[in-house]
Protein backbone atom coordinates (compact mmCIF):
# COMPACT_ATOMS: atom_id res chain seq x y z
CA MET A 1 114.74 99.23 110.90
CA LEU A 2 114.30 101.96 113.60
CA GLU A 3 117.65 101.22 115.15
CA ALA A 4 119.45 101.50 111.77
CA TRP A 5 117.74 104.76 110.95
CA ALA A 6 118.52 106.16 114.43
CA THR A 7 122.19 105.21 114.01
CA SER A 8 122.52 106.73 110.61
CA GLU A 9 120.81 109.99 111.59
CA GLN A 10 122.23 110.11 115.14
CA CYS A 11 118.69 110.74 116.33
CA ALA A 12 116.50 108.84 118.82
CA VAL A 13 113.39 107.59 117.24
CA ARG A 14 110.38 105.54 118.44
CA LEU A 15 106.82 104.51 117.53
CA GLN A 16 104.22 105.39 120.16
CA SER A 17 100.63 104.30 120.27
CA ALA A 18 97.75 106.00 121.94
CA ARG A 19 97.41 102.97 124.20
CA GLY A 20 101.03 103.50 125.47
CA ILE A 21 102.82 100.94 123.44
CA THR A 22 106.39 102.02 122.60
CA VAL A 23 108.53 100.47 119.93
CA GLY A 24 111.93 101.74 119.07
CA THR A 25 115.33 102.92 120.19
CA THR A 26 116.60 105.75 122.26
CA PHE A 27 119.99 106.58 120.72
CA PRO A 28 120.96 108.81 122.23
CA ASP A 29 118.44 109.35 125.03
CA ALA A 30 115.98 112.08 124.07
CA ALA A 31 114.81 114.62 126.59
CA GLN A 32 111.96 115.82 124.47
CA TRP A 33 110.07 114.03 121.68
CA ARG A 34 108.48 115.62 118.57
CA ALA A 35 105.51 113.57 117.30
CA HIS A 36 104.55 112.99 113.64
CA PRO A 37 101.13 111.41 113.54
CA LEU A 38 100.86 108.24 111.36
CA GLY A 39 97.13 107.58 111.82
CA ALA A 40 95.10 104.54 112.84
CA LEU A 41 96.80 101.20 112.26
CA GLY A 42 95.75 97.88 113.83
CA GLY A 43 93.05 99.50 115.90
CA ASP A 44 95.32 102.08 117.46
CA GLN A 45 96.49 105.63 116.81
CA TRP A 46 100.31 105.63 116.15
CA SER A 47 102.82 108.44 115.83
CA LEU A 48 106.49 108.53 114.87
CA GLU A 49 108.42 110.33 117.54
CA LEU A 50 111.88 111.95 117.07
CA ASP A 51 114.31 113.61 119.38
CA ALA A 52 113.21 117.26 119.30
CA SER A 53 116.79 118.55 119.74
CA ILE A 54 117.94 117.07 116.37
CA GLY A 55 117.05 118.72 113.11
CA VAL A 56 116.09 116.00 110.76
CA PRO A 57 115.14 117.12 107.26
CA PRO A 58 111.37 116.67 106.53
CA ALA A 59 112.09 114.47 103.49
CA ARG A 60 113.95 112.01 105.75
CA VAL A 61 111.12 112.03 108.23
CA ASN A 62 108.51 111.37 105.54
CA ALA A 63 110.45 108.42 104.22
CA LEU A 64 110.75 106.97 107.70
CA SER A 65 107.01 107.59 108.27
CA ILE A 66 106.12 105.65 105.07
CA ALA A 67 108.29 102.75 106.18
CA ALA A 68 106.87 102.73 109.66
CA VAL A 69 103.25 102.68 108.36
CA ALA A 70 104.21 99.69 106.23
CA LEU A 71 105.85 97.97 109.19
CA LEU A 72 102.84 98.55 111.47
CA ALA A 73 100.37 97.51 108.68
CA ALA A 74 102.26 94.19 108.16
CA ASP A 75 102.25 93.58 111.89
CA ALA A 76 98.45 94.26 112.13
CA GLU A 77 97.89 91.98 109.12
CA GLY A 78 99.92 89.20 110.77
CA ALA A 79 98.05 89.54 114.04
CA ALA A 80 94.68 89.43 112.19
CA ALA A 81 95.79 86.24 110.26
CA ALA A 82 96.87 84.55 113.54
CA GLN A 83 93.55 85.39 115.13
CA GLU A 84 91.59 84.01 112.11
CA LEU A 85 93.63 80.84 112.19
CA ALA A 86 92.98 80.41 115.90
CA GLU A 87 89.28 80.81 115.37
CA ARG A 88 89.20 78.33 112.51
CA TYR A 89 91.07 75.78 114.66
CA GLU A 90 88.53 76.10 117.42
CA GLU A 91 85.67 75.58 114.95
CA ILE A 92 87.28 72.54 113.40
CA ASP A 93 88.01 71.13 117.00
CA LEU A 94 84.33 71.67 117.95
CA LEU A 95 83.16 69.87 114.79
CA TYR A 96 85.44 66.82 115.62
CA ARG A 97 84.14 66.73 119.19
CA VAL A 98 80.55 66.81 117.95
CA GLY A 99 81.31 64.10 115.48
CA ASP A 100 82.90 61.98 118.21
CA LEU A 101 79.84 62.40 120.44
CA LEU A 102 77.41 61.60 117.68
CA GLY A 103 79.46 58.61 116.57
CA SER A 104 79.60 57.13 120.14
CA ALA A 105 75.89 57.55 120.60
CA VAL A 106 74.97 55.49 117.51
CA ARG A 107 74.39 51.73 117.97
CA ILE A 108 75.74 49.68 115.08
CA GLU A 109 73.70 46.47 114.63
CA ASP A 110 75.45 43.34 113.78
CA ALA A 111 76.69 43.61 110.25
């Protein structure tokens, strides 16, 4: 999405997190970035950064900001679902292990 927008606008664009995570393209390489805060998403503060030397209309920046927020929110939701699934798998695995231990400790009298 970012690459397509950068190509159509002839403007470098990236998403930057407060933790230093960078997602995006540098087409063309930007000497200076202008940040547009997006807010907290997925436990981190994000901003949309554009090449400061290119004058992009505010309406276009707002449209890209909305799409970027949706993209980051979907990514955060996917990561949360994967974490939840991993935790459930660990719980189920633990229950099976306990069941195996209890089952092997019980003596079955002749039936």
